[in-house]
Protein backbone atom coordinates (compact mmCIF):
# COMPACT_ATOMS: atom_id res chain seq x y z
CA MET A 1 -23.11 13.85 30.56
CA THR A 2 -19.61 12.49 30.03
CA HIS A 3 -17.09 14.08 27.68
CA ILE A 4 -13.91 12.28 26.67
CA ILE A 5 -10.69 13.94 25.49
CA THR A 6 -7.72 11.95 24.28
CA ILE A 7 -4.39 13.71 24.70
CA GLU A 8 -1.25 12.07 23.35
CA THR A 9 1.98 13.09 25.04
CA HIS A 10 5.43 12.04 23.94
CA ASN A 11 7.33 12.46 27.19
CA ASP A 12 6.78 11.77 30.87
CA SER A 13 6.98 15.42 31.88
CA ASP A 14 4.07 16.49 29.68
CA PHE A 15 2.05 13.49 30.84
CA ALA A 16 2.68 14.31 34.51
CA GLN A 17 1.57 17.92 34.00
CA ILE A 18 -1.65 16.95 32.23
CA LYS A 19 -2.41 14.28 34.84
CA GLY A 20 -1.73 16.72 37.68
CA PHE A 21 -4.02 19.30 36.09
CA ALA A 22 -6.86 16.77 35.86
CA GLN A 23 -6.32 15.77 39.48
CA ARG A 24 -6.35 19.39 40.66
CA LEU A 25 -9.65 19.92 38.84
CA GLY A 26 -11.06 16.83 40.55
CA LEU A 27 -11.77 15.11 37.24
CA ASN A 28 -12.01 11.37 36.82
CA PHE A 29 -9.43 10.10 34.36
CA LYS A 30 -8.12 6.87 32.92
CA GLU A 31 -4.53 6.22 31.96
CA SER A 32 -3.24 4.08 29.14
CA HIS A 33 0.31 3.83 27.93
CA SER A 34 1.61 2.46 24.66
CA GLU A 35 4.66 2.68 22.51
CA GLY A 36 4.36 4.64 19.27
CA ASN A 37 4.98 1.54 17.17
CA ASP A 38 2.28 -0.34 19.11
CA LEU A 39 -0.42 1.80 17.54
CA GLU A 40 1.07 1.32 14.09
CA ALA A 41 1.22 -2.45 14.67
CA GLN A 42 -2.44 -2.47 15.74
CA GLN A 43 -3.45 -0.49 12.67
CA GLU A 44 -1.48 -2.79 10.37
CA ALA A 45 -3.02 -5.90 11.98
CA ALA A 46 -6.52 -4.42 11.60
CA PHE A 47 -5.81 -3.60 7.95
CA LYS A 48 -4.57 -7.12 7.23
CA LYS A 49 -7.61 -8.60 8.97
CA PHE A 50 -9.93 -6.38 6.93
CA VAL A 51 -8.20 -6.99 3.59
CA GLY A 52 -7.63 -10.71 4.04
CA SER A 53 -5.48 -12.79 1.75
CA TRP A 54 -5.74 -15.24 -1.11
CA GLN A 55 -4.04 -18.60 -1.17
CA GLY A 56 -4.14 -20.45 -4.44
CA GLU A 57 -2.07 -22.12 -7.08
CA GLU A 58 -2.73 -19.45 -9.71
CA THR A 59 -0.26 -16.69 -10.45
CA ALA A 60 -1.34 -13.07 -10.34
CA GLU A 61 -1.43 -12.99 -14.14
CA GLU A 62 -3.63 -16.08 -14.28
CA LEU A 63 -6.05 -14.61 -11.72
CA GLU A 64 -6.19 -11.38 -13.70
CA LYS A 65 -6.97 -13.30 -16.88
CA MET A 66 -9.73 -15.28 -15.11
CA ILE A 67 -11.33 -12.09 -13.77
CA TYR A 68 -11.28 -10.32 -17.12
CA SER A 69 -12.65 -13.35 -18.97
CA ALA A 70 -15.52 -13.72 -16.45
CA ARG A 71 -16.71 -10.17 -16.99
CA ASN A 72 -19.85 -9.53 -18.97
CA ASP A 73 -19.30 -6.18 -20.66
CA GLN A 74 -22.02 -6.63 -23.26
CA PRO A 75 -24.37 -3.70 -23.73
CA ARG A 76 -27.86 -4.36 -22.44
CA ASP A 77 -31.17 -2.67 -22.92
CA ILE A 78 -32.44 -1.06 -19.77
CA GLU A 79 -35.73 0.79 -19.59
CA LEU A 80 -36.32 3.19 -16.74
């Protein structure tokens, strides 16, 4: 069974100590290094990809009006 722990360090000294501890225990480990802003940039890019965008000639107010006018808020009879 494999267990994975992610430890984020903010300086080289802490990283070296954690790495040395893993080596002394004879554990397999993988290193990855990134800048703090890199993670934020990745999260922002993922958010923008998920959300998407709209390109059109309509203004925000016109889109809002179209959405509200397309709604069907009439009461309806539903039998359960």
